[in-house]
Amino acid sequence: MTQDKLTEVLRLHKLFLVGGANGKRADLSNADLSNANLSNANLRYADLSDANLRYVDLSNANLSFADLSNANLSNANLRYVDLSNADLSDANLSNANLSFANLRDADLSNADLSNADLRYVDLSFANLSNADLRYVDLSNANLSFADLSDANLSFANLRYVDLSDANLRNANLSFANLRYVDLSDADLRNADLRYADLSDANLSDANLRNADLRFANLSNANLSNTKSGSLRGRTGNGDCEA
């Protein structure tokens, strides 16, 4: 897409957002916007489905309620972006920088977020079911009430993350760094926590039925009122209690 055409699309979209008579919702579906500079752009409600957004700069942009389903955002700069309530299902966000982004209530089901920078991101109430989150850095992020069922978080950095009331059923958390994480009231049924570091974690009132904690580190973890049912295997600190 040429810069002139993109400028016109953004102009009409701005009018659309304020209810202007000649306004038109931005339709950038299937567009090639790779390497484009869209920092600070207002693309609320825009259609960017299936778009090529590799290496794009969308830092500080407003993409709330936008459709980015199946878009390619690999290696994109999305620092401080507002993606609240956006549709990012099946999107490719591998190696993207999403630090400090707002993804509250976003749909990231089946998305590829492997190796992404998600430090300090707000993913509360987000749908991350079946998402690929291998090797991501989620330190200090907010994932309270998020749906991470069947997600792959192996080798992820989750230090100081808020996962209270999160759904982690069948999630893969093997080898993850979960030090100081808040997993209170979380659903971890059938989760794979082998070799995970859960030292100093808060697991109070969490559901750990059928979770696999073989060789996990639970030193100083808060396990009060956990629902353990039958924990599988041994931890790095001795036998798991059923």
C-alpha atoms as a PDB file:
ATOM      1  CA  MET A   1       0.000   0.000   0.000  1.00  0.00           C
ATOM      2  CA  THR A   2       1.346   3.424  -0.953  1.00  0.00           C
ATOM      3  CA  GLN A   3       1.863   6.084   1.702  1.00  0.00           C
ATOM      4  CA  ASP A   4      -0.646   8.388  -0.020  1.00  0.00           C
ATOM      5  CA  LYS A   5      -3.350   5.721   0.055  1.00  0.00           C
ATOM      6  CA  LEU A   6      -2.605   4.880   3.683  1.00  0.00           C
ATOM      7  CA  THR A   7      -2.776   8.566   4.630  1.00  0.00           C
ATOM      8  CA  GLU A   8      -6.201   8.840   2.972  1.00  0.00           C
ATOM      9  CA  VAL A   9      -7.475   5.693   4.734  1.00  0.00           C
ATOM     10  CA  LEU A  10      -6.370   7.127   8.077  1.00  0.00           C
ATOM     11  CA  ARG A  11      -7.976  10.491   7.314  1.00  0.00           C
ATOM     12  CA  LEU A  12     -11.344   8.924   6.512  1.00  0.00           C
ATOM     13  CA  HIS A  13     -11.092   6.649   9.550  1.00  0.00           C
ATOM     14  CA  LYS A  14     -10.533   9.662  11.787  1.00  0.00           C
ATOM     15  CA  LEU A  15     -13.763  11.156  10.458  1.00  0.00           C
ATOM     16  CA  PHE A  16     -15.520   7.814  10.985  1.00  0.00           C
ATOM     17  CA  LEU A  17     -14.498   7.774  14.640  1.00  0.00           C
ATOM     18  CA  VAL A  18     -16.017  11.200  15.296  1.00  0.00           C
ATOM     19  CA  GLY A  19     -19.179  10.460  13.304  1.00  0.00           C
ATOM     20  CA  GLY A  20     -18.274  12.624  10.317  1.00  0.00           C
ATOM     21  CA  ALA A  21     -20.592  12.433   7.305  1.00  0.00           C
ATOM     22  CA  ASN A  22     -17.799  11.396   4.939  1.00  0.00           C
ATOM     23  CA  GLY A  23     -16.029   9.121   7.396  1.00  0.00           C
ATOM     24  CA  LYS A  24     -15.225   5.519   6.560  1.00  0.00           C
ATOM     25  CA  ARG A  25     -14.014   2.706   8.749  1.00  0.00           C
ATOM     26  CA  ALA A  26     -10.444   1.773   7.847  1.00  0.00           C
ATOM     27  CA  ASP A  27     -10.354  -1.453   5.832  1.00  0.00           C
ATOM     28  CA  LEU A  28      -6.749  -2.581   5.819  1.00  0.00           C
ATOM     29  CA  SER A  29      -7.477  -6.269   5.632  1.00  0.00           C
ATOM     30  CA  ASN A  30      -4.870  -8.174   3.625  1.00  0.00           C
ATOM     31  CA  ALA A  31      -2.833  -4.964   3.272  1.00  0.00           C
ATOM     32  CA  ASP A  32       0.955  -5.059   3.209  1.00  0.00           C
ATOM     33  CA  LEU A  33       2.033  -2.586   5.872  1.00  0.00           C
ATOM     34  CA  SER A  34       5.320  -4.214   6.761  1.00  0.00           C
ATOM     35  CA  ASN A  35       7.899  -1.769   8.149  1.00  0.00           C
ATOM     36  CA  ALA A  36       5.320   1.057   8.205  1.00  0.00           C
ATOM     37  CA  ASN A  37       5.446   3.741  10.870  1.00  0.00           C
ATOM     38  CA  LEU A  38       2.021   3.918  12.514  1.00  0.00           C
ATOM     39  CA  SER A  39       3.118   5.063  15.943  1.00  0.00           C
ATOM     40  CA  ASN A  40       0.435   7.047  17.776  1.00  0.00           C
ATOM     41  CA  ALA A  41      -2.133   6.195  15.080  1.00  0.00           C
ATOM     42  CA  ASN A  42      -5.793   5.981  16.062  1.00  0.00           C
ATOM     43  CA  LEU A  43      -7.083   2.755  14.515  1.00  0.00           C
ATOM     44  CA  ARG A  44      -9.895   1.942  16.916  1.00  0.00           C
ATOM     45  CA  TYR A  45     -12.379  -0.461  15.309  1.00  0.00           C
ATOM     46  CA  ALA A  46     -10.196  -0.747  12.169  1.00  0.00           C
ATOM     47  CA  ASP A  47     -10.143  -3.931  10.090  1.00  0.00           C
ATOM     48  CA  LEU A  48      -6.570  -5.238   9.852  1.00  0.00           C
ATOM     49  CA  SER A  49      -7.427  -8.883   9.520  1.00  0.00           C
ATOM     50  CA  ASP A  50      -4.901 -10.942   7.534  1.00  0.00           C
ATOM     51  CA  ALA A  51      -2.688  -7.860   7.165  1.00  0.00           C
ATOM     52  CA  ASN A  52       1.095  -8.052   6.851  1.00  0.00           C
ATOM     53  CA  LEU A  53       2.356  -5.961   9.765  1.00  0.00           C
ATOM     54  CA  ARG A  54       5.829  -7.419  10.136  1.00  0.00           C
ATOM     55  CA  TYR A  55       8.281  -4.974  11.707  1.00  0.00           C
ATOM     56  CA  VAL A  56       5.590  -2.285  11.830  1.00  0.00           C
ATOM     57  CA  ASP A  57       5.872   0.475  14.442  1.00  0.00           C
ATOM     58  CA  LEU A  58       2.555   0.745  16.279  1.00  0.00           C
ATOM     59  CA  SER A  59       3.957   2.042  19.538  1.00  0.00           C
ATOM     60  CA  ASN A  60       1.450   4.144  21.498  1.00  0.00           C
ATOM     61  CA  ALA A  61      -1.217   3.453  18.855  1.00  0.00           C
ATOM     62  CA  ASN A  62      -4.892   2.956  19.695  1.00  0.00           C
ATOM     63  CA  LEU A  63      -6.175  -0.344  18.300  1.00  0.00           C
ATOM     64  CA  SER A  64      -8.919  -1.025  20.789  1.00  0.00           C
ATOM     65  CA  PHE A  65     -11.757  -3.102  19.318  1.00  0.00           C
ATOM     66  CA  ALA A  66      -9.731  -3.538  16.089  1.00  0.00           C
ATOM     67  CA  ASP A  67      -9.859  -6.743  14.040  1.00  0.00           C
ATOM     68  CA  LEU A  68      -6.330  -8.156  13.736  1.00  0.00           C
ATOM     69  CA  SER A  69      -7.320 -11.761  13.361  1.00  0.00           C
ATOM     70  CA  ASN A  70      -4.769 -13.814  11.433  1.00  0.00           C
ATOM     71  CA  ALA A  71      -2.549 -10.739  11.010  1.00  0.00           C
ATOM     72  CA  ASN A  72       1.240 -11.093  10.870  1.00  0.00           C
ATOM     73  CA  LEU A  73       2.710  -8.867  13.579  1.00  0.00           C
ATOM     74  CA  SER A  74       5.982 -10.691  14.011  1.00  0.00           C
ATOM     75  CA  ASN A  75       8.835  -8.451  15.191  1.00  0.00           C
ATOM     76  CA  ALA A  76       6.439  -5.500  15.461  1.00  0.00           C
ATOM     77  CA  ASN A  77       6.930  -2.628  17.902  1.00  0.00           C
ATOM     78  CA  LEU A  78       3.758  -2.566  19.992  1.00  0.00           C
ATOM     79  CA  ARG A  79       5.056  -0.865  23.125  1.00  0.00           C
ATOM     80  CA  TYR A  80       2.330   0.965  25.041  1.00  0.00           C
ATOM     81  CA  VAL A  81      -0.261   0.100  22.363  1.00  0.00           C
ATOM     82  CA  ASP A  82      -3.934  -0.074  23.327  1.00  0.00           C
ATOM     83  CA  LEU A  83      -5.292  -3.403  22.095  1.00  0.00           C
ATOM     84  CA  SER A  84      -8.065  -3.734  24.637  1.00  0.00           C
ATOM     85  CA  ASN A  85     -11.001  -5.765  23.307  1.00  0.00           C
ATOM     86  CA  ALA A  86      -9.117  -6.339  20.028  1.00  0.00           C
ATOM     87  CA  ASP A  87      -9.443  -9.551  18.018  1.00  0.00           C
ATOM     88  CA  LEU A  88      -5.967 -11.088  17.643  1.00  0.00           C
ATOM     89  CA  SER A  89      -7.090 -14.654  17.237  1.00  0.00           C
ATOM     90  CA  ASP A  90      -4.688 -16.737  15.130  1.00  0.00           C
ATOM     91  CA  ALA A  91      -2.355 -13.734  14.819  1.00  0.00           C
ATOM     92  CA  ASN A  92       1.422 -14.083  14.579  1.00  0.00           C
ATOM     93  CA  LEU A  93       3.044 -11.966  17.288  1.00  0.00           C
ATOM     94  CA  SER A  94       6.278 -13.903  17.571  1.00  0.00           C
ATOM     95  CA  ASN A  95       9.256 -11.784  18.640  1.00  0.00           C
ATOM     96  CA  ALA A  96       7.003  -8.720  18.949  1.00  0.00           C
ATOM     97  CA  ASN A  97       7.606  -6.083  21.621  1.00  0.00           C
ATOM     98  CA  LEU A  98       4.353  -5.641  23.546  1.00  0.00           C
ATOM     99  CA  SER A  99       5.812  -4.326  26.777  1.00  0.00           C
ATOM    100  CA  PHE A 100       3.422  -2.070  28.732  1.00  0.00           C
ATOM    101  CA  ALA A 101       0.613  -2.763  26.222  1.00  0.00           C
ATOM    102  CA  ASN A 102      -3.065  -2.834  27.179  1.00  0.00           C
ATOM    103  CA  LEU A 103      -4.598  -6.139  26.046  1.00  0.00           C
ATOM    104  CA  ARG A 104      -7.407  -6.283  28.555  1.00  0.00           C
ATOM    105  CA  ASP A 105     -10.306  -8.418  27.249  1.00  0.00           C
ATOM    106  CA  ALA A 106      -8.430  -9.094  23.977  1.00  0.00           C
ATOM    107  CA  ASP A 107      -8.932 -12.322  22.035  1.00  0.00           C
ATOM    108  CA  LEU A 108      -5.550 -14.002  21.497  1.00  0.00           C
ATOM    109  CA  SER A 109      -6.815 -17.528  21.106  1.00  0.00           C
ATOM    110  CA  ASN A 110      -4.509 -19.674  18.965  1.00  0.00           C
ATOM    111  CA  ALA A 111      -2.097 -16.729  18.595  1.00  0.00           C
ATOM    112  CA  ASP A 112       1.672 -17.223  18.245  1.00  0.00           C
ATOM    113  CA  LEU A 113       3.400 -15.106  20.898  1.00  0.00           C
ATOM    114  CA  SER A 114       6.578 -17.129  21.137  1.00  0.00           C
ATOM    115  CA  ASN A 115       9.639 -15.131  22.211  1.00  0.00           C
ATOM    116  CA  ALA A 116       7.536 -11.965  22.583  1.00  0.00           C
ATOM    117  CA  ASP A 117       8.305  -9.234  25.109  1.00  0.00           C
ATOM    118  CA  LEU A 118       5.213  -8.946  27.316  1.00  0.00           C
ATOM    119  CA  ARG A 119       6.685  -7.271  30.371  1.00  0.00           C
ATOM    120  CA  TYR A 120       4.210  -5.198  32.399  1.00  0.00           C
ATOM    121  CA  VAL A 121       1.414  -5.939  29.916  1.00  0.00           C
ATOM    122  CA  ASP A 122      -2.237  -5.935  30.995  1.00  0.00           C
ATOM    123  CA  LEU A 123      -3.840  -9.181  29.828  1.00  0.00           C
ATOM    124  CA  SER A 124      -6.532  -9.357  32.467  1.00  0.00           C
ATOM    125  CA  PHE A 125      -9.673 -11.140  31.258  1.00  0.00           C
ATOM    126  CA  ALA A 126      -7.949 -11.884  27.918  1.00  0.00           C
ATOM    127  CA  ASN A 127      -8.550 -15.078  25.942  1.00  0.00           C
ATOM    128  CA  LEU A 128      -5.213 -16.844  25.408  1.00  0.00           C
ATOM    129  CA  SER A 129      -6.574 -20.340  25.022  1.00  0.00           C
ATOM    130  CA  ASN A 130      -4.303 -22.581  22.955  1.00  0.00           C
ATOM    131  CA  ALA A 131      -1.846 -19.697  22.476  1.00  0.00           C
ATOM    132  CA  ASP A 132       1.873 -20.313  21.897  1.00  0.00           C
ATOM    133  CA  LEU A 133       3.701 -18.460  24.669  1.00  0.00           C
ATOM    134  CA  ARG A 134       6.968 -20.367  24.698  1.00  0.00           C
ATOM    135  CA  TYR A 135       9.976 -18.362  25.895  1.00  0.00           C
ATOM    136  CA  VAL A 136       7.933 -15.172  26.395  1.00  0.00           C
ATOM    137  CA  ASP A 137       8.884 -12.610  29.010  1.00  0.00           C
ATOM    138  CA  LEU A 138       5.728 -11.865  31.003  1.00  0.00           C
ATOM    139  CA  SER A 139       7.438 -10.563  34.114  1.00  0.00           C
ATOM    140  CA  ASN A 140       5.246  -8.199  36.162  1.00  0.00           C
ATOM    141  CA  ALA A 141       2.290  -8.697  33.800  1.00  0.00           C
ATOM    142  CA  ASN A 142      -1.360  -8.781  34.844  1.00  0.00           C
ATOM    143  CA  LEU A 143      -3.158 -11.935  33.698  1.00  0.00           C
ATOM    144  CA  SER A 144      -5.819 -12.082  36.362  1.00  0.00           C
ATOM    145  CA  PHE A 145      -8.975 -13.856  35.186  1.00  0.00           C
ATOM    146  CA  ALA A 146      -7.291 -14.649  31.835  1.00  0.00           C
ATOM    147  CA  ASP A 147      -8.127 -17.834  29.930  1.00  0.00           C
ATOM    148  CA  LEU A 148      -4.872 -19.741  29.304  1.00  0.00           C
ATOM    149  CA  SER A 149      -6.393 -23.162  28.916  1.00  0.00           C
ATOM    150  CA  ASP A 150      -4.291 -25.437  26.674  1.00  0.00           C
ATOM    151  CA  ALA A 151      -1.722 -22.642  26.238  1.00  0.00           C
ATOM    152  CA  ASN A 152       1.986 -23.457  25.888  1.00  0.00           C
ATOM    153  CA  LEU A 153       4.033 -21.440  28.387  1.00  0.00           C
ATOM    154  CA  SER A 154       7.062 -23.678  28.556  1.00  0.00           C
ATOM    155  CA  PHE A 155      10.299 -21.844  29.417  1.00  0.00           C
ATOM    156  CA  ALA A 156       8.342 -18.597  29.904  1.00  0.00           C
ATOM    157  CA  ASN A 157       9.417 -15.925  32.390  1.00  0.00           C
ATOM    158  CA  LEU A 158       6.452 -15.307  34.694  1.00  0.00           C
ATOM    159  CA  ARG A 159       8.174 -13.693  37.664  1.00  0.00           C
ATOM    160  CA  TYR A 160       5.861 -11.479  39.700  1.00  0.00           C
ATOM    161  CA  VAL A 161       2.928 -12.129  37.335  1.00  0.00           C
ATOM    162  CA  ASP A 162      -0.650 -11.825  38.598  1.00  0.00           C
ATOM    163  CA  LEU A 163      -2.430 -15.012  37.525  1.00  0.00           C
ATOM    164  CA  SER A 164      -5.069 -14.919  40.220  1.00  0.00           C
ATOM    165  CA  ASP A 165      -8.337 -16.555  39.152  1.00  0.00           C
ATOM    166  CA  ALA A 166      -6.770 -17.475  35.786  1.00  0.00           C
ATOM    167  CA  ASN A 167      -7.804 -20.574  33.836  1.00  0.00           C
ATOM    168  CA  LEU A 168      -4.689 -22.685  33.221  1.00  0.00           C
ATOM    169  CA  ARG A 169      -6.347 -26.036  32.664  1.00  0.00           C
ATOM    170  CA  ASN A 170      -4.161 -28.323  30.544  1.00  0.00           C
ATOM    171  CA  ALA A 171      -1.578 -25.542  30.157  1.00  0.00           C
ATOM    172  CA  ASN A 172       2.086 -26.397  29.598  1.00  0.00           C
ATOM    173  CA  LEU A 173       4.191 -24.556  32.187  1.00  0.00           C
ATOM    174  CA  SER A 174       7.149 -26.906  32.168  1.00  0.00           C
ATOM    175  CA  PHE A 175      10.496 -25.235  32.899  1.00  0.00           C
ATOM    176  CA  ALA A 176       8.702 -21.900  33.427  1.00  0.00           C
ATOM    177  CA  ASN A 177       9.982 -19.305  35.886  1.00  0.00           C
ATOM    178  CA  LEU A 178       7.059 -18.724  38.237  1.00  0.00           C
ATOM    179  CA  ARG A 179       8.885 -17.186  41.176  1.00  0.00           C
ATOM    180  CA  TYR A 180       6.723 -14.830  43.235  1.00  0.00           C
ATOM    181  CA  VAL A 181       3.757 -15.442  40.908  1.00  0.00           C
ATOM    182  CA  ASP A 182       0.223 -14.994  42.238  1.00  0.00           C
ATOM    183  CA  LEU A 183      -1.783 -18.103  41.354  1.00  0.00           C
ATOM    184  CA  SER A 184      -4.392 -17.715  44.059  1.00  0.00           C
ATOM    185  CA  ASP A 185      -7.730 -19.239  43.048  1.00  0.00           C
ATOM    186  CA  ALA A 186      -6.237 -20.270  39.682  1.00  0.00           C
ATOM    187  CA  ASP A 187      -7.427 -23.391  37.870  1.00  0.00           C
ATOM    188  CA  LEU A 188      -4.360 -25.573  37.199  1.00  0.00           C
ATOM    189  CA  ARG A 189      -6.106 -28.874  36.655  1.00  0.00           C
ATOM    190  CA  ASN A 190      -4.046 -31.195  34.435  1.00  0.00           C
ATOM    191  CA  ALA A 191      -1.387 -28.493  34.022  1.00  0.00           C
ATOM    192  CA  ASP A 192       2.186 -29.520  33.209  1.00  0.00           C
ATOM    193  CA  LEU A 193       4.452 -27.909  35.807  1.00  0.00           C
ATOM    194  CA  ARG A 194       7.442 -30.203  35.489  1.00  0.00           C
ATOM    195  CA  TYR A 195      10.707 -28.486  36.426  1.00  0.00           C
ATOM    196  CA  ALA A 196       8.865 -25.198  36.975  1.00  0.00           C
ATOM    197  CA  ASP A 197      10.266 -22.792  39.558  1.00  0.00           C
ATOM    198  CA  LEU A 198       7.378 -21.967  41.901  1.00  0.00           C
ATOM    199  CA  SER A 199       9.496 -20.760  44.799  1.00  0.00           C
ATOM    200  CA  ASP A 200       7.758 -18.056  46.836  1.00  0.00           C
ATOM    201  CA  ALA A 201       4.654 -18.407  44.662  1.00  0.00           C
ATOM    202  CA  ASN A 202       1.150 -17.874  46.033  1.00  0.00           C
ATOM    203  CA  LEU A 203      -0.979 -20.930  45.228  1.00  0.00           C
ATOM    204  CA  SER A 204      -3.573 -20.410  47.924  1.00  0.00           C
ATOM    205  CA  ASP A 205      -6.987 -21.820  46.981  1.00  0.00           C
ATOM    206  CA  ALA A 206      -5.639 -22.940  43.585  1.00  0.00           C
ATOM    207  CA  ASN A 207      -6.985 -26.105  41.961  1.00  0.00           C
ATOM    208  CA  LEU A 208      -4.050 -28.455  41.300  1.00  0.00           C
ATOM    209  CA  ARG A 209      -5.958 -31.649  40.661  1.00  0.00           C
ATOM    210  CA  ASN A 210      -3.987 -33.967  38.362  1.00  0.00           C
ATOM    211  CA  ALA A 211      -1.303 -31.327  37.845  1.00  0.00           C
ATOM    212  CA  ASP A 212       2.155 -32.685  37.044  1.00  0.00           C
ATOM    213  CA  LEU A 213       4.670 -31.178  39.481  1.00  0.00           C
ATOM    214  CA  ARG A 214       7.549 -33.566  38.968  1.00  0.00           C
ATOM    215  CA  PHE A 215      10.829 -31.866  39.906  1.00  0.00           C
ATOM    216  CA  ALA A 216       9.117 -28.512  40.410  1.00  0.00           C
ATOM    217  CA  ASN A 217      10.581 -26.142  42.986  1.00  0.00           C
ATOM    218  CA  LEU A 218       7.961 -25.213  45.591  1.00  0.00           C
ATOM    219  CA  SER A 219      10.235 -23.797  48.270  1.00  0.00           C
ATOM    220  CA  ASN A 220       8.465 -21.171  50.386  1.00  0.00           C
ATOM    221  CA  ALA A 221       5.352 -21.443  48.190  1.00  0.00           C
ATOM    222  CA  ASN A 222       1.976 -20.739  49.787  1.00  0.00           C
ATOM    223  CA  LEU A 223      -0.107 -23.891  49.304  1.00  0.00           C
ATOM    224  CA  SER A 224      -2.844 -23.110  51.801  1.00  0.00           C
ATOM    225  CA  ASN A 225      -6.279 -24.466  50.896  1.00  0.00           C
ATOM    226  CA  THR A 226      -5.105 -25.824  47.544  1.00  0.00           C
ATOM    227  CA  LYS A 227      -7.262 -28.477  45.934  1.00  0.00           C
ATOM    228  CA  SER A 228      -4.675 -31.107  45.143  1.00  0.00           C
ATOM    229  CA  GLY A 229      -6.687 -34.255  44.424  1.00  0.00           C
ATOM    230  CA  SER A 230      -3.828 -36.331  43.068  1.00  0.00           C
ATOM    231  CA  LEU A 231      -0.633 -34.485  42.260  1.00  0.00           C
ATOM    232  CA  ARG A 232       1.612 -36.423  39.930  1.00  0.00           C
ATOM    233  CA  GLY A 233       5.232 -37.258  40.657  1.00  0.00           C
ATOM    234  CA  ARG A 234       7.775 -35.645  42.940  1.00  0.00           C
ATOM    235  CA  THR A 235       8.854 -32.061  43.339  1.00  0.00           C
ATOM    236  CA  GLY A 236      12.345 -30.769  43.768  1.00  0.00           C
ATOM    237  CA  ASN A 237      11.542 -30.504  47.473  1.00  0.00           C
ATOM    238  CA  GLY A 238      10.201 -33.984  48.091  1.00  0.00           C
ATOM    239  CA  ASP A 239       6.971 -35.838  47.593  1.00  0.00           C
ATOM    240  CA  CYS A 240       3.842 -34.070  46.452  1.00  0.00           C
ATOM    241  CA  GLU A 241       0.965 -34.479  48.830  1.00  0.00           C
ATOM    242  CA  ALA A 242      -2.353 -35.763  47.509  1.00  0.00           C
END
